[in-house]
Amino acid sequence: MVNRGLVLVIAKEPFREWLNSLPDPCDMTLEEINEDSTAYLLPEFEDDKQRDRVLGKFYEMIFEEKLADWWTREEDWPRKRDLRTFKKWFDLQFHSVVEDLAGGLLVDD
């Protein structure tokens, strides 16, 4: 077990709508958008209060990374990128137990 939590960030309809509003629209289904979604390691948390505190520290970074994965021109990103909007655009699946089955050295790219 590693001393980390994990969150899967799954795009919802508002994110897909934003993709389709871009100058070069991306006409994909939510299933296609979420096909191989990034898992984010977070500082470990033991309860919902700690989890929410951790999310408060990292949601903006995750939000911007999700936007940049699909479109790098920041001027086309939504101006409002607060926690409420983040939760409206993405489903969050938290996991407080993370098992490392690889057994090798963890490498930070």
PDB file of N, CA and C in Angstrom:
ATOM      1  N   MET A   1       0.838  -1.170   0.000  1.00  0.00           N
ATOM      2  CA  MET A   1       0.000   0.000   0.000  1.00  0.00           C
ATOM      3  C   MET A   1       0.891   1.244   0.000  1.00  0.00           C
ATOM      4  N   VAL A   2       0.475   2.263  -0.738  1.00  0.00           N
ATOM      5  CA  VAL A   2       1.240   3.519  -0.761  1.00  0.00           C
ATOM      6  C   VAL A   2       0.481   4.581   0.029  1.00  0.00           C
ATOM      7  N   ASN A   3       1.215   5.554   0.514  1.00  0.00           N
ATOM      8  CA  ASN A   3       0.610   6.604   1.335  1.00  0.00           C
ATOM      9  C   ASN A   3       0.038   7.708   0.448  1.00  0.00           C
ATOM     10  N   ARG A   4      -0.908   7.323  -0.391  1.00  0.00           N
ATOM     11  CA  ARG A   4      -1.569   8.258  -1.296  1.00  0.00           C
ATOM     12  C   ARG A   4      -3.038   7.888  -1.389  1.00  0.00           C
ATOM     13  N   GLY A   5      -3.843   8.885  -1.733  1.00  0.00           N
ATOM     14  CA  GLY A   5      -5.217   8.656  -2.152  1.00  0.00           C
ATOM     15  C   GLY A   5      -5.232   8.761  -3.662  1.00  0.00           C
ATOM     16  N   LEU A   6      -6.377   8.501  -4.242  1.00  0.00           N
ATOM     17  CA  LEU A   6      -6.482   8.540  -5.693  1.00  0.00           C
ATOM     18  C   LEU A   6      -7.839   9.116  -6.066  1.00  0.00           C
ATOM     19  N   VAL A   7      -7.869   9.885  -7.140  1.00  0.00           N
ATOM     20  CA  VAL A   7      -9.138  10.360  -7.669  1.00  0.00           C
ATOM     21  C   VAL A   7      -9.153  10.137  -9.179  1.00  0.00           C
ATOM     22  N   LEU A   8     -10.256   9.594  -9.654  1.00  0.00           N
ATOM     23  CA  LEU A   8     -10.522   9.501 -11.082  1.00  0.00           C
ATOM     24  C   LEU A   8     -11.436  10.669 -11.414  1.00  0.00           C
ATOM     25  N   VAL A   9     -11.099  11.397 -12.470  1.00  0.00           N
ATOM     26  CA  VAL A   9     -11.858  12.578 -12.865  1.00  0.00           C
ATOM     27  C   VAL A   9     -12.520  12.262 -14.200  1.00  0.00           C
ATOM     28  N   ILE A  10     -13.843  12.105 -14.167  1.00  0.00           N
ATOM     29  CA  ILE A  10     -14.612  11.638 -15.307  1.00  0.00           C
ATOM     30  C   ILE A  10     -15.431  12.799 -15.882  1.00  0.00           C
ATOM     31  N   ALA A  11     -15.202  13.111 -17.151  1.00  0.00           N
ATOM     32  CA  ALA A  11     -15.900  14.236 -17.796  1.00  0.00           C
ATOM     33  C   ALA A  11     -17.405  13.998 -17.852  1.00  0.00           C
ATOM     34  N   LYS A  12     -18.141  15.091 -17.647  1.00  0.00           N
ATOM     35  CA  LYS A  12     -19.595  15.075 -17.771  1.00  0.00           C
ATOM     36  C   LYS A  12     -19.998  15.962 -18.953  1.00  0.00           C
ATOM     37  N   GLU A  13     -21.271  16.068 -19.196  1.00  0.00           N
ATOM     38  CA  GLU A  13     -21.800  16.768 -20.367  1.00  0.00           C
ATOM     39  C   GLU A  13     -21.290  18.205 -20.536  1.00  0.00           C
ATOM     40  N   PRO A  14     -21.192  19.033 -19.493  1.00  0.00           N
ATOM     41  CA  PRO A  14     -20.672  20.396 -19.706  1.00  0.00           C
ATOM     42  C   PRO A  14     -19.263  20.412 -20.320  1.00  0.00           C
ATOM     43  N   PHE A  15     -18.425  19.446 -19.967  1.00  0.00           N
ATOM     44  CA  PHE A  15     -17.087  19.374 -20.558  1.00  0.00           C
ATOM     45  C   PHE A  15     -17.194  19.042 -22.046  1.00  0.00           C
ATOM     46  N   ARG A  16     -18.043  18.079 -22.383  1.00  0.00           N
ATOM     47  CA  ARG A  16     -18.242  17.716 -23.784  1.00  0.00           C
ATOM     48  C   ARG A  16     -18.790  18.904 -24.582  1.00  0.00           C
ATOM     49  N   GLU A  17     -19.713  19.644 -23.992  1.00  0.00           N
ATOM     50  CA  GLU A  17     -20.269  20.829 -24.653  1.00  0.00           C
ATOM     51  C   GLU A  17     -19.175  21.863 -24.914  1.00  0.00           C
ATOM     52  N   TRP A  18     -18.279  22.046 -23.946  1.00  0.00           N
ATOM     53  CA  TRP A  18     -17.159  22.979 -24.143  1.00  0.00           C
ATOM     54  C   TRP A  18     -16.285  22.516 -25.303  1.00  0.00           C
ATOM     55  N   LEU A  19     -15.965  21.225 -25.354  1.00  0.00           N
ATOM     56  CA  LEU A  19     -15.158  20.696 -26.461  1.00  0.00           C
ATOM     57  C   LEU A  19     -15.808  20.999 -27.806  1.00  0.00           C
ATOM     58  N   ASN A  20     -17.119  20.882 -27.866  1.00  0.00           N
ATOM     59  CA  ASN A  20     -17.826  21.124 -29.123  1.00  0.00           C
ATOM     60  C   ASN A  20     -17.975  22.603 -29.443  1.00  0.00           C
ATOM     61  N   SER A  21     -17.712  23.474 -28.490  1.00  0.00           N
ATOM     62  CA  SER A  21     -17.799  24.919 -28.725  1.00  0.00           C
ATOM     63  C   SER A  21     -16.483  25.519 -29.209  1.00  0.00           C
ATOM     64  N   LEU A  22     -15.432  24.731 -29.230  1.00  0.00           N
ATOM     65  CA  LEU A  22     -14.108  25.223 -29.609  1.00  0.00           C
ATOM     66  C   LEU A  22     -14.021  25.495 -31.112  1.00  0.00           C
ATOM     67  N   PRO A  23     -13.047  26.307 -31.530  1.00  0.00           N
ATOM     68  CA  PRO A  23     -12.885  26.597 -32.961  1.00  0.00           C
ATOM     69  C   PRO A  23     -12.729  25.336 -33.820  1.00  0.00           C
ATOM     70  N   ASP A  24     -12.125  24.312 -33.263  1.00  0.00           N
ATOM     71  CA  ASP A  24     -11.995  23.030 -33.968  1.00  0.00           C
ATOM     72  C   ASP A  24     -12.719  21.992 -33.109  1.00  0.00           C
ATOM     73  N   PRO A  25     -14.052  21.911 -33.239  1.00  0.00           N
ATOM     74  CA  PRO A  25     -14.834  21.082 -32.318  1.00  0.00           C
ATOM     75  C   PRO A  25     -14.439  19.608 -32.341  1.00  0.00           C
ATOM     76  N   CYS A  26     -14.596  19.007 -31.203  1.00  0.00           N
ATOM     77  CA  CYS A  26     -14.277  17.601 -31.021  1.00  0.00           C
ATOM     78  C   CYS A  26     -15.590  16.858 -30.810  1.00  0.00           C
ATOM     79  N   ASP A  27     -16.106  16.262 -31.850  1.00  0.00           N
ATOM     80  CA  ASP A  27     -17.409  15.598 -31.769  1.00  0.00           C
ATOM     81  C   ASP A  27     -17.236  14.168 -31.272  1.00  0.00           C
ATOM     82  N   MET A  28     -17.116  14.045 -29.947  1.00  0.00           N
ATOM     83  CA  MET A  28     -16.927  12.733 -29.327  1.00  0.00           C
ATOM     84  C   MET A  28     -18.009  12.521 -28.281  1.00  0.00           C
ATOM     85  N   THR A  29     -18.291  11.277 -28.004  1.00  0.00           N
ATOM     86  CA  THR A  29     -19.209  10.953 -26.920  1.00  0.00           C
ATOM     87  C   THR A  29     -18.457  11.034 -25.595  1.00  0.00           C
ATOM     88  N   LEU A  30     -19.205  11.103 -24.513  1.00  0.00           N
ATOM     89  CA  LEU A  30     -18.572  11.079 -23.194  1.00  0.00           C
ATOM     90  C   LEU A  30     -17.804   9.782 -22.990  1.00  0.00           C
ATOM     91  N   GLU A  31     -18.340   8.700 -23.483  1.00  0.00           N
ATOM     92  CA  GLU A  31     -17.643   7.414 -23.367  1.00  0.00           C
ATOM     93  C   GLU A  31     -16.272   7.485 -24.047  1.00  0.00           C
ATOM     94  N   GLU A  32     -16.211   8.090 -25.220  1.00  0.00           N
ATOM     95  CA  GLU A  32     -14.935   8.219 -25.935  1.00  0.00           C
ATOM     96  C   GLU A  32     -13.986   9.160 -25.196  1.00  0.00           C
ATOM     97  N   ILE A  33     -14.508  10.254 -24.674  1.00  0.00           N
ATOM     98  CA  ILE A  33     -13.681  11.227 -23.937  1.00  0.00           C
ATOM     99  C   ILE A  33     -13.064  10.583 -22.702  1.00  0.00           C
ATOM    100  N   ASN A  34     -13.838   9.731 -22.034  1.00  0.00           N
ATOM    101  CA  ASN A  34     -13.406   9.131 -20.769  1.00  0.00           C
ATOM    102  C   ASN A  34     -12.761   7.762 -20.928  1.00  0.00           C
ATOM    103  N   GLU A  35     -12.476   7.377 -22.153  1.00  0.00           N
ATOM    104  CA  GLU A  35     -11.994   6.027 -22.419  1.00  0.00           C
ATOM    105  C   GLU A  35     -10.767   5.639 -21.593  1.00  0.00           C
ATOM    106  N   ASP A  36      -9.800   6.500 -21.482  1.00  0.00           N
ATOM    107  CA  ASP A  36      -8.587   6.196 -20.716  1.00  0.00           C
ATOM    108  C   ASP A  36      -8.266   7.416 -19.854  1.00  0.00           C
ATOM    109  N   SER A  37      -9.127   7.686 -18.908  1.00  0.00           N
ATOM    110  CA  SER A  37      -9.028   8.888 -18.099  1.00  0.00           C
ATOM    111  C   SER A  37      -7.848   8.804 -17.133  1.00  0.00           C
ATOM    112  N   THR A  38      -7.242   9.919 -16.873  1.00  0.00           N
ATOM    113  CA  THR A  38      -6.109  10.001 -15.963  1.00  0.00           C
ATOM    114  C   THR A  38      -6.553   9.761 -14.524  1.00  0.00           C
ATOM    115  N   ALA A  39      -5.765   9.015 -13.788  1.00  0.00           N
ATOM    116  CA  ALA A  39      -5.951   8.836 -12.347  1.00  0.00           C
ATOM    117  C   ALA A  39      -4.923   9.730 -11.656  1.00  0.00           C
ATOM    118  N   TYR A  40      -5.367  10.475 -10.664  1.00  0.00           N
ATOM    119  CA  TYR A  40      -4.486  11.415  -9.964  1.00  0.00           C
ATOM    120  C   TYR A  40      -4.212  10.918  -8.552  1.00  0.00           C
ATOM    121  N   LEU A  41      -2.934  10.797  -8.213  1.00  0.00           N
ATOM    122  CA  LEU A  41      -2.550  10.483  -6.841  1.00  0.00           C
ATOM    123  C   LEU A  41      -2.618  11.761  -6.017  1.00  0.00           C
ATOM    124  N   LEU A  42      -3.164  11.641  -4.840  1.00  0.00           N
ATOM    125  CA  LEU A  42      -3.334  12.775  -3.929  1.00  0.00           C
ATOM    126  C   LEU A  42      -2.685  12.443  -2.591  1.00  0.00           C
ATOM    127  N   PRO A  43      -2.451  13.457  -1.762  1.00  0.00           N
ATOM    128  CA  PRO A  43      -2.048  13.141  -0.394  1.00  0.00           C
ATOM    129  C   PRO A  43      -3.120  12.255   0.244  1.00  0.00           C
ATOM    130  N   GLU A  44      -2.696  11.363   1.114  1.00  0.00           N
ATOM    131  CA  GLU A  44      -3.662  10.448   1.714  1.00  0.00           C
ATOM    132  C   GLU A  44      -4.693  11.206   2.537  1.00  0.00           C
ATOM    133  N   PHE A  45      -5.877  10.631   2.637  1.00  0.00           N
ATOM    134  CA  PHE A  45      -6.969  11.207   3.414  1.00  0.00           C
ATOM    135  C   PHE A  45      -7.712  10.068   4.097  1.00  0.00           C
ATOM    136  N   GLU A  46      -8.297  10.386   5.255  1.00  0.00           N
ATOM    137  CA  GLU A  46      -8.974   9.347   6.029  1.00  0.00           C
ATOM    138  C   GLU A  46     -10.485   9.508   6.061  1.00  0.00           C
ATOM    139  N   ASP A  47     -10.972  10.715   5.808  1.00  0.00           N
ATOM    140  CA  ASP A  47     -12.419  10.918   5.866  1.00  0.00           C
ATOM    141  C   ASP A  47     -12.817  11.982   4.835  1.00  0.00           C
ATOM    142  N   ASP A  48     -14.118  12.231   4.731  1.00  0.00           N
ATOM    143  CA  ASP A  48     -14.635  13.168   3.738  1.00  0.00           C
ATOM    144  C   ASP A  48     -14.107  14.585   3.954  1.00  0.00           C
ATOM    145  N   LYS A  49     -13.945  14.975   5.206  1.00  0.00           N
ATOM    146  CA  LYS A  49     -13.450  16.322   5.505  1.00  0.00           C
ATOM    147  C   LYS A  49     -12.018  16.494   4.989  1.00  0.00           C
ATOM    148  N   GLN A  50     -11.160  15.526   5.265  1.00  0.00           N
ATOM    149  CA  GLN A  50      -9.782  15.575   4.752  1.00  0.00           C
ATOM    150  C   GLN A  50      -9.766  15.509   3.225  1.00  0.00           C
ATOM    151  N   ARG A  51     -10.610  14.640   2.668  1.00  0.00           N
ATOM    152  CA  ARG A  51     -10.690  14.497   1.206  1.00  0.00           C
ATOM    153  C   ARG A  51     -11.083  15.827   0.566  1.00  0.00           C
ATOM    154  N   ASP A  52     -12.069  16.510   1.130  1.00  0.00           N
ATOM    155  CA  ASP A  52     -12.510  17.792   0.576  1.00  0.00           C
ATOM    156  C   ASP A  52     -11.419  18.854   0.684  1.00  0.00           C
ATOM    157  N   ARG A  53     -10.653  18.815   1.772  1.00  0.00           N
ATOM    158  CA  ARG A  53      -9.546  19.755   1.943  1.00  0.00           C
ATOM    159  C   ARG A  53      -8.471  19.510   0.877  1.00  0.00           C
ATOM    160  N   VAL A  54      -8.163  18.248   0.630  1.00  0.00           N
ATOM    161  CA  VAL A  54      -7.181  17.890  -0.399  1.00  0.00           C
ATOM    162  C   VAL A  54      -7.689  18.330  -1.771  1.00  0.00           C
ATOM    163  N   LEU A  55      -8.958  18.060  -2.055  1.00  0.00           N
ATOM    164  CA  LEU A  55      -9.527  18.469  -3.340  1.00  0.00           C
ATOM    165  C   LEU A  55      -9.436  19.979  -3.514  1.00  0.00           C
ATOM    166  N   GLY A  56      -9.695  20.719  -2.449  1.00  0.00           N
ATOM    167  CA  GLY A  56      -9.605  22.177  -2.508  1.00  0.00           C
ATOM    168  C   GLY A  56      -8.221  22.669  -2.900  1.00  0.00           C
ATOM    169  N   LYS A  57      -7.199  21.921  -2.538  1.00  0.00           N
ATOM    170  CA  LYS A  57      -5.826  22.300  -2.879  1.00  0.00           C
ATOM    171  C   LYS A  57      -5.461  21.957  -4.322  1.00  0.00           C
ATOM    172  N   PHE A  58      -6.086  20.924  -4.884  1.00  0.00           N
ATOM    173  CA  PHE A  58      -5.621  20.402  -6.167  1.00  0.00           C
ATOM    174  C   PHE A  58      -6.609  20.512  -7.334  1.00  0.00           C
ATOM    175  N   TYR A  59      -7.877  20.878  -7.064  1.00  0.00           N
ATOM    176  CA  TYR A  59      -8.848  20.857  -8.148  1.00  0.00           C
ATOM    177  C   TYR A  59      -8.469  21.786  -9.299  1.00  0.00           C
ATOM    178  N   GLU A  60      -7.921  22.963  -8.986  1.00  0.00           N
ATOM    179  CA  GLU A  60      -7.597  23.925 -10.049  1.00  0.00           C
ATOM    180  C   GLU A  60      -6.520  23.360 -10.986  1.00  0.00           C
ATOM    181  N   MET A  61      -5.509  22.725 -10.421  1.00  0.00           N
ATOM    182  CA  MET A  61      -4.450  22.118 -11.216  1.00  0.00           C
ATOM    183  C   MET A  61      -5.025  21.001 -12.104  1.00  0.00           C
ATOM    184  N   ILE A  62      -5.889  20.184 -11.518  1.00  0.00           N
ATOM    185  CA  ILE A  62      -6.499  19.089 -12.278  1.00  0.00           C
ATOM    186  C   ILE A  62      -7.401  19.647 -13.369  1.00  0.00           C
ATOM    187  N   PHE A  63      -8.211  20.647 -13.052  1.00  0.00           N
ATOM    188  CA  PHE A  63      -9.114  21.266 -14.021  1.00  0.00           C
ATOM    189  C   PHE A  63      -8.316  21.773 -15.215  1.00  0.00           C
ATOM    190  N   GLU A  64      -7.256  22.518 -14.949  1.00  0.00           N
ATOM    191  CA  GLU A  64      -6.457  23.085 -16.030  1.00  0.00           C
ATOM    192  C   GLU A  64      -5.748  21.996 -16.835  1.00  0.00           C
ATOM    193  N   GLU A  65      -5.327  20.938 -16.180  1.00  0.00           N
ATOM    194  CA  GLU A  65      -4.697  19.835 -16.903  1.00  0.00           C
ATOM    195  C   GLU A  65      -5.701  19.144 -17.820  1.00  0.00           C
ATOM    196  N   LYS A  66      -6.929  18.951 -17.329  1.00  0.00           N
ATOM    197  CA  LYS A  66      -7.964  18.329 -18.163  1.00  0.00           C
ATOM    198  C   LYS A  66      -8.265  19.198 -19.384  1.00  0.00           C
ATOM    199  N   LEU A  67      -8.330  20.513 -19.203  1.00  0.00           N
ATOM    200  CA  LEU A  67      -8.565  21.415 -20.331  1.00  0.00           C
ATOM    201  C   LEU A  67      -7.400  21.355 -21.314  1.00  0.00           C
ATOM    202  N   ALA A  68      -6.184  21.427 -20.797  1.00  0.00           N
ATOM    203  CA  ALA A  68      -4.987  21.436 -21.643  1.00  0.00           C
ATOM    204  C   ALA A  68      -4.795  20.124 -22.392  1.00  0.00           C
ATOM    205  N   ASP A  69      -5.288  19.026 -21.829  1.00  0.00           N
ATOM    206  CA  ASP A  69      -5.200  17.747 -22.531  1.00  0.00           C
ATOM    207  C   ASP A  69      -5.934  17.793 -23.864  1.00  0.00           C
ATOM    208  N   TRP A  70      -6.961  18.650 -23.941  1.00  0.00           N
ATOM    209  CA  TRP A  70      -7.795  18.692 -25.144  1.00  0.00           C
ATOM    210  C   TRP A  70      -7.590  19.960 -25.964  1.00  0.00           C
ATOM    211  N   TRP A  71      -7.176  21.057 -25.309  1.00  0.00           N
ATOM    212  CA  TRP A  71      -7.055  22.341 -26.010  1.00  0.00           C
ATOM    213  C   TRP A  71      -6.071  23.221 -25.260  1.00  0.00           C
ATOM    214  N   THR A  72      -4.986  23.621 -25.906  1.00  0.00           N
ATOM    215  CA  THR A  72      -3.920  24.334 -25.204  1.00  0.00           C
ATOM    216  C   THR A  72      -4.059  25.860 -25.208  1.00  0.00           C
ATOM    217  N   ARG A  73      -4.928  26.410 -26.044  1.00  0.00           N
ATOM    218  CA  ARG A  73      -5.099  27.873 -26.061  1.00  0.00           C
ATOM    219  C   ARG A  73      -5.941  28.304 -24.864  1.00  0.00           C
ATOM    220  N   GLU A  74      -5.265  28.805 -23.853  1.00  0.00           N
ATOM    221  CA  GLU A  74      -5.930  29.155 -22.602  1.00  0.00           C
ATOM    222  C   GLU A  74      -7.008  30.215 -22.777  1.00  0.00           C
ATOM    223  N   GLU A  75      -6.884  31.061 -23.776  1.00  0.00           N
ATOM    224  CA  GLU A  75      -7.906  32.095 -23.986  1.00  0.00           C
ATOM    225  C   GLU A  75      -9.259  31.481 -24.379  1.00  0.00           C
ATOM    226  N   ASP A  76      -9.266  30.234 -24.795  1.00  0.00           N
ATOM    227  CA  ASP A  76     -10.517  29.540 -25.129  1.00  0.00           C
ATOM    228  C   ASP A  76     -11.051  28.705 -23.975  1.00  0.00           C
ATOM    229  N   TRP A  77     -10.325  28.671 -22.873  1.00  0.00           N
ATOM    230  CA  TRP A  77     -10.781  27.932 -21.702  1.00  0.00           C
ATOM    231  C   TRP A  77     -11.912  28.709 -21.035  1.00  0.00           C
ATOM    232  N   PRO A  78     -12.764  28.027 -20.300  1.00  0.00           N
ATOM    233  CA  PRO A  78     -13.811  28.747 -19.567  1.00  0.00           C
ATOM    234  C   PRO A  78     -13.184  29.676 -18.531  1.00  0.00           C
ATOM    235  N   ARG A  79     -13.718  30.861 -18.426  1.00  0.00           N
ATOM    236  CA  ARG A  79     -13.169  31.835 -17.472  1.00  0.00           C
ATOM    237  C   ARG A  79     -13.440  31.406 -16.025  1.00  0.00           C
ATOM    238  N   LYS A  80     -14.608  30.841 -15.804  1.00  0.00           N
ATOM    239  CA  LYS A  80     -14.983  30.419 -14.459  1.00  0.00           C
ATOM    240  C   LYS A  80     -14.500  28.986 -14.235  1.00  0.00           C
ATOM    241  N   ARG A  81     -13.477  28.864 -13.382  1.00  0.00           N
ATOM    242  CA  ARG A  81     -12.912  27.541 -13.100  1.00  0.00           C
ATOM    243  C   ARG A  81     -12.825  27.326 -11.586  1.00  0.00           C
ATOM    244  N   ASP A  82     -13.915  27.611 -10.919  1.00  0.00           N
ATOM    245  CA  ASP A  82     -13.956  27.416  -9.472  1.00  0.00           C
ATOM    246  C   ASP A  82     -14.332  25.969  -9.146  1.00  0.00           C
ATOM    247  N   LEU A  83     -14.347  25.633  -7.864  1.00  0.00           N
ATOM    248  CA  LEU A  83     -14.626  24.268  -7.431  1.00  0.00           C
ATOM    249  C   LEU A  83     -16.033  23.830  -7.833  1.00  0.00           C
ATOM    250  N   ARG A  84     -16.976  24.728  -7.738  1.00  0.00           N
ATOM    251  CA  ARG A  84     -18.356  24.394  -8.114  1.00  0.00           C
ATOM    252  C   ARG A  84     -18.441  24.010  -9.596  1.00  0.00           C
ATOM    253  N   THR A  85     -17.784  24.777 -10.454  1.00  0.00           N
ATOM    254  CA  THR A  85     -17.776  24.474 -11.890  1.00  0.00           C
ATOM    255  C   THR A  85     -17.054  23.158 -12.148  1.00  0.00           C
ATOM    256  N   PHE A  86     -15.939  22.947 -11.464  1.00  0.00           N
ATOM    257  CA  PHE A  86     -15.193  21.701 -11.596  1.00  0.00           C
ATOM    258  C   PHE A  86     -16.098  20.503 -11.305  1.00  0.00           C
ATOM    259  N   LYS A  87     -16.852  20.565 -10.221  1.00  0.00           N
ATOM    260  CA  LYS A  87     -17.738  19.466  -9.852  1.00  0.00           C
ATOM    261  C   LYS A  87     -18.915  19.320 -10.823  1.00  0.00           C
ATOM    262  N   LYS A  88     -19.296  20.427 -11.448  1.00  0.00           N
ATOM    263  CA  LYS A  88     -20.371  20.377 -12.448  1.00  0.00           C
ATOM    264  C   LYS A  88     -19.877  19.711 -13.740  1.00  0.00           C
ATOM    265  N   TRP A  89     -18.605  19.903 -14.056  1.00  0.00           N
ATOM    266  CA  TRP A  89     -18.024  19.388 -15.302  1.00  0.00           C
ATOM    267  C   TRP A  89     -17.492  17.970 -15.177  1.00  0.00           C
ATOM    268  N   PHE A  90     -17.188  17.518 -13.945  1.00  0.00           N
ATOM    269  CA  PHE A  90     -16.536  16.224 -13.760  1.00  0.00           C
ATOM    270  C   PHE A  90     -17.140  15.449 -12.595  1.00  0.00           C
ATOM    271  N   ASP A  91     -17.295  14.145 -12.794  1.00  0.00           N
ATOM    272  CA  ASP A  91     -17.584  13.237 -11.700  1.00  0.00           C
ATOM    273  C   ASP A  91     -16.252  12.868 -11.062  1.00  0.00           C
ATOM    274  N   LEU A  92     -16.243  12.764  -9.749  1.00  0.00           N
ATOM    275  CA  LEU A  92     -15.018  12.455  -9.024  1.00  0.00           C
ATOM    276  C   LEU A  92     -15.199  11.143  -8.282  1.00  0.00           C
ATOM    277  N   GLN A  93     -14.297  10.210  -8.534  1.00  0.00           N
ATOM    278  CA  GLN A  93     -14.330   8.923  -7.847  1.00  0.00           C
ATOM    279  C   GLN A  93     -13.062   8.817  -6.995  1.00  0.00           C
ATOM    280  N   PHE A  94     -13.246   8.951  -5.682  1.00  0.00           N
ATOM    281  CA  PHE A  94     -12.125   8.939  -4.750  1.00  0.00           C
ATOM    282  C   PHE A  94     -11.873   7.531  -4.222  1.00  0.00           C
ATOM    283  N   HIS A  95     -10.597   7.250  -3.987  1.00  0.00           N
ATOM    284  CA  HIS A  95     -10.190   5.984  -3.380  1.00  0.00           C
ATOM    285  C   HIS A  95      -9.113   6.309  -2.348  1.00  0.00           C
ATOM    286  N   SER A  96      -9.341   5.861  -1.114  1.00  0.00           N
ATOM    287  CA  SER A  96      -8.385   6.179  -0.043  1.00  0.00           C
ATOM    288  C   SER A  96      -7.337   5.095   0.145  1.00  0.00           C
ATOM    289  N   VAL A  97      -7.529   3.944  -0.473  1.00  0.00           N
ATOM    290  CA  VAL A  97      -6.550   2.866  -0.387  1.00  0.00           C
ATOM    291  C   VAL A  97      -5.985   2.620  -1.777  1.00  0.00           C
ATOM    292  N   VAL A  98      -4.662   2.747  -1.908  1.00  0.00           N
ATOM    293  CA  VAL A  98      -3.988   2.546  -3.185  1.00  0.00           C
ATOM    294  C   VAL A  98      -2.930   1.467  -2.988  1.00  0.00           C
ATOM    295  N   GLU A  99      -3.082   0.371  -3.676  1.00  0.00           N
ATOM    296  CA  GLU A  99      -2.143  -0.745  -3.598  1.00  0.00           C
ATOM    297  C   GLU A  99      -1.182  -0.682  -4.778  1.00  0.00           C
ATOM    298  N   ASP A 100       0.096  -0.805  -4.511  1.00  0.00           N
ATOM    299  CA  ASP A 100       1.126  -0.847  -5.548  1.00  0.00           C
ATOM    300  C   ASP A 100       1.514  -2.307  -5.769  1.00  0.00           C
ATOM    301  N   LEU A 101       1.019  -2.902  -6.851  1.00  0.00           N
ATOM    302  CA  LEU A 101       1.277  -4.309  -7.141  1.00  0.00           C
ATOM    303  C   LEU A 101       2.515  -4.509  -7.991  1.00  0.00           C
ATOM    304  N   ALA A 102       3.072  -3.428  -8.522  1.00  0.00           N
ATOM    305  CA  ALA A 102       4.232  -3.555  -9.403  1.00  0.00           C
ATOM    306  C   ALA A 102       5.500  -3.943  -8.645  1.00  0.00           C
ATOM    307  N   GLY A 103       5.635  -3.461  -7.452  1.00  0.00           N
ATOM    308  CA  GLY A 103       6.778  -3.832  -6.626  1.00  0.00           C
ATOM    309  C   GLY A 103       8.089  -3.171  -7.003  1.00  0.00           C
ATOM    310  N   GLY A 104       8.137  -2.455  -8.091  1.00  0.00           N
ATOM    311  CA  GLY A 104       9.370  -1.780  -8.491  1.00  0.00           C
ATOM    312  C   GLY A 104       9.424  -0.367  -7.948  1.00  0.00           C
ATOM    313  N   LEU A 105      10.494   0.314  -8.294  1.00  0.00           N
ATOM    314  CA  LEU A 105      10.703   1.701  -7.880  1.00  0.00           C
ATOM    315  C   LEU A 105       9.696   2.599  -8.568  1.00  0.00           C
ATOM    316  N   LEU A 106       9.061   3.492  -7.804  1.00  0.00           N
ATOM    317  CA  LEU A 106       8.174   4.484  -8.393  1.00  0.00           C
ATOM    318  C   LEU A 106       9.026   5.587  -9.028  1.00  0.00           C
ATOM    319  N   VAL A 107       8.708   5.943 -10.243  1.00  0.00           N
ATOM    320  CA  VAL A 107       9.452   6.981 -10.958  1.00  0.00           C
ATOM    321  C   VAL A 107       8.525   8.151 -11.228  1.00  0.00           C
ATOM    322  N   ASP A 108       8.958   9.361 -10.871  1.00  0.00           N
ATOM    323  CA  ASP A 108       8.189  10.570 -11.106  1.00  0.00           C
ATOM    324  C   ASP A 108       8.656  11.210 -12.399  1.00  0.00           C
ATOM    325  N   ASP A 109       7.782  11.189 -13.405  1.00  0.00           N
ATOM    326  CA  ASP A 109       8.118  11.787 -14.702  1.00  0.00           C
ATOM    327  C   ASP A 109       7.898  13.256 -14.656  1.00  0.00           C
TER     328      ASP A 109
END
